[in-house]
Protein backbone atom coordinates (compact mmCIF):
# COMPACT_ATOMS: atom_id res chain seq x y z
CA MET A 1 0.00 0.00 0.00
CA GLY A 2 2.05 2.91 -1.28
CA ARG A 3 -0.49 5.71 -1.05
CA ARG A 4 -0.63 7.52 2.28
CA GLY A 5 -3.80 8.93 3.78
CA PRO A 6 -4.36 11.54 6.49
CA TYR A 7 -5.59 8.95 8.98
CA ASP A 8 -2.99 6.22 8.42
CA PHE A 9 -1.33 7.16 11.72
CA ALA A 10 -4.49 6.11 13.60
CA THR A 11 -4.49 2.71 11.88
CA ALA A 12 -0.77 2.23 12.60
CA PHE A 13 -1.27 3.35 16.21
CA ALA A 14 -3.95 0.67 16.70
CA GLU A 15 -1.79 -2.04 15.15
CA LYS A 16 1.13 -1.14 17.43
CA LEU A 17 -1.12 -1.24 20.52
CA LEU A 18 -2.52 -4.59 19.43
CA ARG A 19 0.95 -6.06 19.01
CA ASP A 20 2.96 -4.44 21.81
CA GLN A 21 0.46 -3.75 24.61
CA PHE A 22 -2.49 -6.06 24.05
CA LYS A 23 -0.32 -8.98 22.80
CA ILE A 24 -2.93 -10.17 20.28
CA ASP A 25 -1.65 -12.00 17.20
CA LYS A 26 -4.60 -13.81 15.65
CA LEU A 27 -8.02 -13.20 14.10
CA PRO A 28 -10.68 -12.46 15.06
CA VAL A 29 -9.81 -9.68 17.49
CA LYS A 30 -12.45 -9.54 20.25
CA PRO A 31 -12.88 -5.83 21.11
CA ILE A 32 -15.29 -6.30 24.00
CA ALA A 33 -13.00 -8.77 25.76
CA LEU A 34 -10.01 -6.55 24.93
CA ALA A 35 -11.64 -3.47 26.49
CA LYS A 36 -12.61 -5.37 29.62
CA SER A 37 -9.05 -6.70 29.96
CA GLN A 38 -7.91 -3.06 30.15
CA GLY A 39 -10.40 -2.19 32.89
CA ILE A 40 -12.94 -0.55 30.55
CA SER A 41 -16.57 -1.54 31.18
CA VAL A 42 -18.63 -2.41 28.10
CA ILE A 43 -22.44 -2.33 28.06
CA PRO A 44 -25.19 -2.32 25.39
CA MET A 45 -27.15 0.87 24.77
CA PRO A 46 -30.95 1.08 24.69
CA LYS A 47 -32.38 0.69 21.19
CA ASP A 48 -33.84 4.22 21.15
CA HIS A 49 -30.47 5.80 20.29
CA ASP A 50 -30.99 5.52 16.53
CA GLY A 51 -28.18 7.14 14.52
CA VAL A 52 -25.63 6.79 17.32
CA SER A 53 -23.11 3.96 17.08
CA GLY A 54 -21.75 4.13 20.60
CA MET A 55 -20.88 6.21 23.63
CA PHE A 56 -17.64 6.82 25.51
CA ILE A 57 -17.94 7.61 29.22
CA HIS A 58 -15.19 8.77 31.54
CA ALA A 59 -15.80 9.77 35.16
CA HIS A 60 -13.91 9.50 38.44
CA GLY A 61 -10.85 8.14 36.63
CA LYS A 62 -12.71 5.21 35.07
CA SER A 63 -13.83 4.62 31.47
CA ALA A 64 -16.80 2.79 30.02
CA ILE A 65 -18.09 2.04 26.53
CA ALA A 66 -21.71 1.63 25.46
CA TYR A 67 -22.45 0.23 22.00
CA ALA A 68 -25.57 0.64 19.87
CA THR A 69 -28.02 -2.25 19.57
CA HIS A 70 -30.54 -0.83 17.08
CA ILE A 71 -28.57 -2.62 14.33
CA GLU A 72 -28.43 -6.28 15.31
CA SER A 73 -25.08 -7.03 13.70
CA LYS A 74 -22.11 -8.41 15.59
CA GLY A 75 -19.73 -6.81 13.09
CA PHE A 76 -21.32 -3.37 13.49
CA GLN A 77 -21.19 -3.67 17.27
CA HIS A 78 -17.56 -4.84 17.24
CA PHE A 79 -16.58 -1.88 15.07
CA SER A 80 -18.49 0.49 17.36
CA VAL A 81 -16.65 -0.81 20.44
CA ALA A 82 -13.28 -0.62 18.65
CA HIS A 83 -14.11 2.97 17.66
CA GLU A 84 -14.67 3.89 21.32
CA ILE A 85 -11.42 2.17 22.31
CA GLY A 86 -9.80 4.52 19.80
CA HIS A 87 -11.23 7.52 21.64
CA CYS A 88 -9.70 6.14 24.83
CA TYR A 89 -6.20 5.63 23.44
CA LEU A 90 -5.63 8.03 20.52
CA PRO A 91 -3.57 11.10 21.51
CA GLY A 92 -5.70 14.17 22.20
CA HIS A 93 -9.05 12.44 21.94
CA MET A 94 -10.06 12.52 25.59
CA ASP A 95 -9.58 16.28 25.79
CA ALA A 96 -11.31 16.88 22.45
CA ILE A 97 -14.42 14.74 22.93
CA LEU A 98 -14.91 15.46 26.64
CA PRO A 99 -14.33 19.24 26.93
CA ASN A 100 -14.98 21.32 30.03
CA GLY A 101 -15.51 18.43 32.39
CA ALA A 102 -17.98 16.51 30.19
CA THR A 103 -18.30 12.82 31.02
CA GLU A 104 -20.15 11.44 27.95
CA HIS A 105 -19.49 11.49 24.22
CA PHE A 106 -21.87 10.07 21.59
CA SER A 107 -20.19 8.64 18.48
CA ARG A 108 -21.29 8.12 14.89
CA SER A 109 -18.85 5.66 13.42
CA GLY A 110 -18.81 4.23 9.90
CA PHE A 111 -16.63 6.66 7.89
CA VAL A 112 -19.56 9.02 7.24
CA SER A 113 -18.78 11.74 9.79
CA ASP A 114 -16.96 14.94 8.80
CA ASP A 115 -15.46 15.23 12.29
CA ARG A 116 -11.71 14.63 12.49
CA TYR A 117 -11.85 12.72 15.76
CA GLU A 118 -14.65 10.43 14.59
CA LEU A 119 -12.72 9.59 11.41
CA GLU A 120 -9.52 8.97 13.37
CA ALA A 121 -11.41 6.57 15.64
CA ASP A 122 -12.88 4.81 12.58
CA HIS A 123 -9.42 4.23 11.12
CA PHE A 124 -8.14 3.14 14.52
CA ALA A 125 -10.96 0.57 14.68
CA ALA A 126 -10.03 -0.77 11.23
CA GLY A 127 -6.42 -1.25 12.30
CA LEU A 128 -7.40 -2.82 15.61
CA LEU A 129 -9.83 -5.35 14.14
CA MET A 130 -8.03 -5.95 10.82
CA PRO A 131 -4.28 -5.47 11.35
CA ALA A 132 -2.45 -5.49 8.03
CA ARG A 133 -0.19 -8.47 8.71
CA LEU A 134 -3.04 -10.76 9.73
CA PHE A 135 -5.58 -9.38 7.26
CA THR A 136 -3.33 -9.74 4.20
CA ARG A 137 -2.60 -13.33 5.20
CA ALA A 138 -6.35 -14.01 5.31
CA MET A 139 -6.76 -12.30 1.92
CA GLU A 140 -4.60 -14.96 0.26
CA THR A 141 -7.44 -17.50 0.37
CA ALA A 142 -10.43 -15.15 0.34
CA GLY A 143 -11.03 -14.82 -3.41
CA ASP A 144 -11.88 -11.51 -5.08
CA GLY A 145 -14.49 -8.78 -5.13
CA LEU A 146 -17.56 -8.86 -2.92
CA ASP A 147 -17.14 -12.60 -2.27
CA ALA A 148 -13.69 -11.93 -0.78
CA ILE A 149 -15.00 -9.09 1.38
CA GLU A 150 -17.85 -11.21 2.72
CA HIS A 151 -15.42 -14.05 3.49
CA LEU A 152 -13.08 -11.67 5.32
CA LYS A 153 -16.00 -10.12 7.19
CA THR A 154 -16.82 -13.54 8.60
CA ARG A 155 -13.17 -14.28 9.37
CA CYS A 156 -12.65 -10.99 11.23
CA GLU A 157 -16.17 -10.68 12.71
CA THR A 158 -16.36 -7.13 11.38
CA SER A 159 -18.93 -5.06 9.52
CA LEU A 160 -19.13 -5.47 5.76
CA THR A 161 -18.45 -1.77 5.21
CA ALA A 162 -15.34 -1.64 7.39
CA THR A 163 -14.03 -4.87 5.86
CA ALA A 164 -14.52 -3.51 2.35
CA ILE A 165 -12.61 -0.32 3.13
CA ARG A 166 -9.75 -2.29 4.67
CA TYR A 167 -9.74 -4.64 1.68
CA GLN A 168 -9.27 -1.80 -0.82
CA GLN A 169 -6.45 -0.39 1.31
CA LEU A 170 -4.49 -3.64 1.24
CA THR A 171 -5.37 -5.39 -2.03
CA ASP A 172 -3.15 -5.38 -5.11
CA GLU A 173 -6.24 -5.44 -7.33
CA ALA A 174 -8.12 -2.55 -8.92
CA VAL A 175 -11.21 -2.03 -6.78
CA ALA A 176 -13.49 0.86 -5.78
CA ILE A 177 -15.68 0.73 -2.67
CA ILE A 178 -18.78 2.94 -2.59
CA GLN A 179 -21.39 3.34 0.13
CA SER A 180 -24.64 5.04 -0.77
CA ARG A 181 -28.02 5.91 0.65
CA GLU A 182 -31.12 6.41 -1.48
CA HIS A 183 -29.82 8.21 -4.60
CA ARG A 184 -26.63 9.74 -3.18
CA ILE A 185 -23.08 8.55 -2.61
CA GLU A 186 -21.81 8.77 0.97
CA PHE A 187 -18.18 7.89 0.23
CA CYS A 188 -15.91 6.25 -2.31
CA PHE A 189 -12.51 4.65 -1.68
CA MET A 190 -10.27 3.44 -4.52
CA SER A 191 -7.30 1.08 -4.29
CA ASP A 192 -3.87 2.17 -5.53
CA ARG A 193 -4.24 -0.12 -8.55
CA PHE A 194 -7.62 1.43 -9.41
CA LEU A 195 -6.19 4.94 -9.15
CA SER A 196 -3.34 3.92 -11.46
CA LEU A 197 -6.00 3.50 -14.17
CA LYS A 198 -6.47 7.30 -13.92
CA PRO A 199 -10.25 7.64 -13.60
CA GLY A 200 -11.52 10.99 -14.85
CA ARG A 201 -13.20 11.82 -11.56
CA TRP A 202 -13.49 10.57 -8.00
CA PRO A 203 -17.11 10.05 -6.89
CA ARG A 204 -17.67 12.30 -3.88
CA LYS A 205 -20.06 12.53 -0.97
CA GLY A 206 -23.39 13.87 -2.19
CA ASP A 207 -22.87 12.91 -5.85
CA PRO A 208 -25.86 11.19 -7.48
CA ILE A 209 -25.68 7.46 -8.15
CA PRO A 210 -25.51 6.77 -11.90
CA LEU A 211 -28.97 6.14 -13.37
CA ARG A 212 -27.90 3.01 -15.28
CA SER A 213 -26.19 1.35 -12.32
CA GLU A 214 -27.26 -1.73 -10.38
CA THR A 215 -26.75 0.35 -7.25
CA ARG A 216 -29.43 2.80 -8.35
CA LYS A 217 -31.77 -0.11 -9.06
CA LEU A 218 -31.22 -1.66 -5.63
CA ASN A 219 -31.46 1.62 -3.72
CA ALA A 220 -34.78 2.44 -5.35
CA ALA A 221 -36.48 -0.20 -3.19
CA SER A 222 -35.94 0.08 0.57
CA ASP A 223 -37.34 -3.42 1.13
CA ARG A 224 -34.55 -4.86 -1.02
CA ILE A 225 -31.99 -2.99 1.08
CA LEU A 226 -33.60 -4.37 4.24
CA ARG A 227 -33.47 -7.93 2.87
CA ALA A 228 -29.78 -7.46 2.01
CA GLU A 229 -30.36 -8.39 -1.62
CA ARG A 230 -27.36 -8.56 -3.92
CA LEU A 231 -27.12 -7.52 -7.58
CA ASN A 232 -24.26 -7.67 -10.07
CA GLU A 233 -23.72 -6.63 -13.66
CA GLU A 234 -21.16 -5.08 -15.97
CA ALA A 235 -20.53 -1.49 -14.82
CA HIS A 236 -20.79 1.59 -17.01
CA ALA A 237 -17.33 2.96 -16.16
CA THR A 238 -17.83 6.46 -17.56
CA ASP A 239 -21.07 6.91 -15.59
CA TRP A 240 -19.19 6.35 -12.33
CA PHE A 241 -15.74 7.74 -13.08
CA GLY A 242 -15.93 10.00 -16.13
CA ALA A 243 -13.13 9.44 -18.62
CA PHE A 244 -11.86 5.89 -18.18
CA PRO A 245 -9.61 3.45 -20.07
CA ASP A 246 -11.21 0.80 -22.28
CA ILE A 247 -11.29 -1.73 -19.44
CA GLU A 248 -14.29 -3.82 -18.52
CA LEU A 249 -15.56 -3.19 -14.99
CA TYR A 250 -17.92 -5.30 -12.89
CA GLU A 251 -20.37 -3.84 -10.35
CA GLU A 252 -21.51 -5.82 -7.31
CA VAL A 253 -23.89 -4.25 -4.80
CA VAL A 254 -25.50 -5.54 -1.63
CA GLY A 255 -28.04 -4.02 0.74
CA LEU A 256 -26.87 -3.38 4.29
CA GLY A 257 -30.12 -4.29 6.03
CA ARG A 258 -31.36 -2.03 8.81
CA TYR A 259 -28.40 0.26 8.27
CA GLY A 260 -30.44 1.57 5.33
CA ARG A 261 -27.56 1.82 2.89
CA SER A 262 -25.92 -0.25 0.17
CA LEU A 263 -22.31 -1.23 -0.44
CA THR A 264 -20.98 -1.29 -3.99
CA VAL A 265 -17.79 -3.02 -5.12
CA ILE A 266 -16.49 -2.14 -8.60
CA SER A 267 -13.64 -4.32 -9.87
CA THR A 268 -11.87 -5.01 -13.14
CA VAL A 269 -13.17 -8.18 -14.73
CA ASP A 270 -9.65 -9.59 -15.16
CA ALA A 271 -9.15 -9.42 -11.36
CA LEU A 272 -12.28 -11.48 -10.76
CA GLU A 273 -11.15 -14.04 -13.35
CA ASP A 274 -7.62 -14.51 -12.00
CA GLY A 275 -6.82 -17.99 -10.78
CA ASN A 276 -8.70 -19.77 -13.59
CA GLY A 277 -11.98 -18.33 -12.46
CA ASP A 278 -11.69 -19.59 -8.90
CA SER A 279 -13.06 -16.85 -6.69
CA GLY A 280 -12.17 -18.61 -3.47
CA PRO A 281 -14.46 -19.80 -0.67
CA GLU A 282 -18.01 -18.57 -0.69
CA ALA A 283 -20.58 -19.11 2.03
CA PRO A 284 -24.18 -19.93 1.10
CA TRP A 285 -26.17 -16.74 0.44
CA GLU A 286 -28.27 -15.46 3.28
CA PRO A 287 -29.60 -12.02 4.25
CA ARG A 288 -26.88 -9.99 5.97
CA LEU A 289 -26.94 -6.87 8.14
CA ARG A 290 -24.09 -4.49 7.38
């Protein structure tokens, strides 16, 4: 991974903690057990806190984490807890999120916040739950595209969204990861290999989803999102990325259940066909929540 991002330090910080302080060297990383081993209490939140992923509490010298339960997904909850652990350990976070004697901070994890500290905690959580050395080893037998991401999600016990973002950071293949809600893009990440193809534009937050895309088709029906349906088809590269080389792209999209969004994986067809068409292990299809 040659390209550097503004939050890479948070990912590296988490990986160093995992290795040097927490002494964890295998997947899956169990964030709730990890927090408790460090004297941090972990409790579920009531389901009426819709839109909040978790809460960090610090009072009388002791810390506690509460994680959201309105999305009944172990991966989502693990990421939420890891995010709060980031607030506890990342330099400057305690002062920033608990100013003027405050004792509670509500978080919105998932790479959709514009707040610096929330994004740092998101990238910390990715590094904590999917450290590069262990994750890349697991990638060797995971396959490609959305199948690989779903396999790795199960292996790491993480959310599909977080796993997809980590996958594009560490893969050698050309892949773009897009999360969207209704008819708008929330974020797009592209792997180094994908960027080397020199797309004419980078889809940004708030951009409309292309009309001819499978993503647009899936997002048009909220019940299909809720059922975690999956669609795939050849992608119209110029619709997504403007000027683009004459390379065939493949679009895979899956609904994220009660999270109310969809996750799109766009890959080059040659990447999916590598290895004589063997895409690696694939679990039987079933509805999935984020």
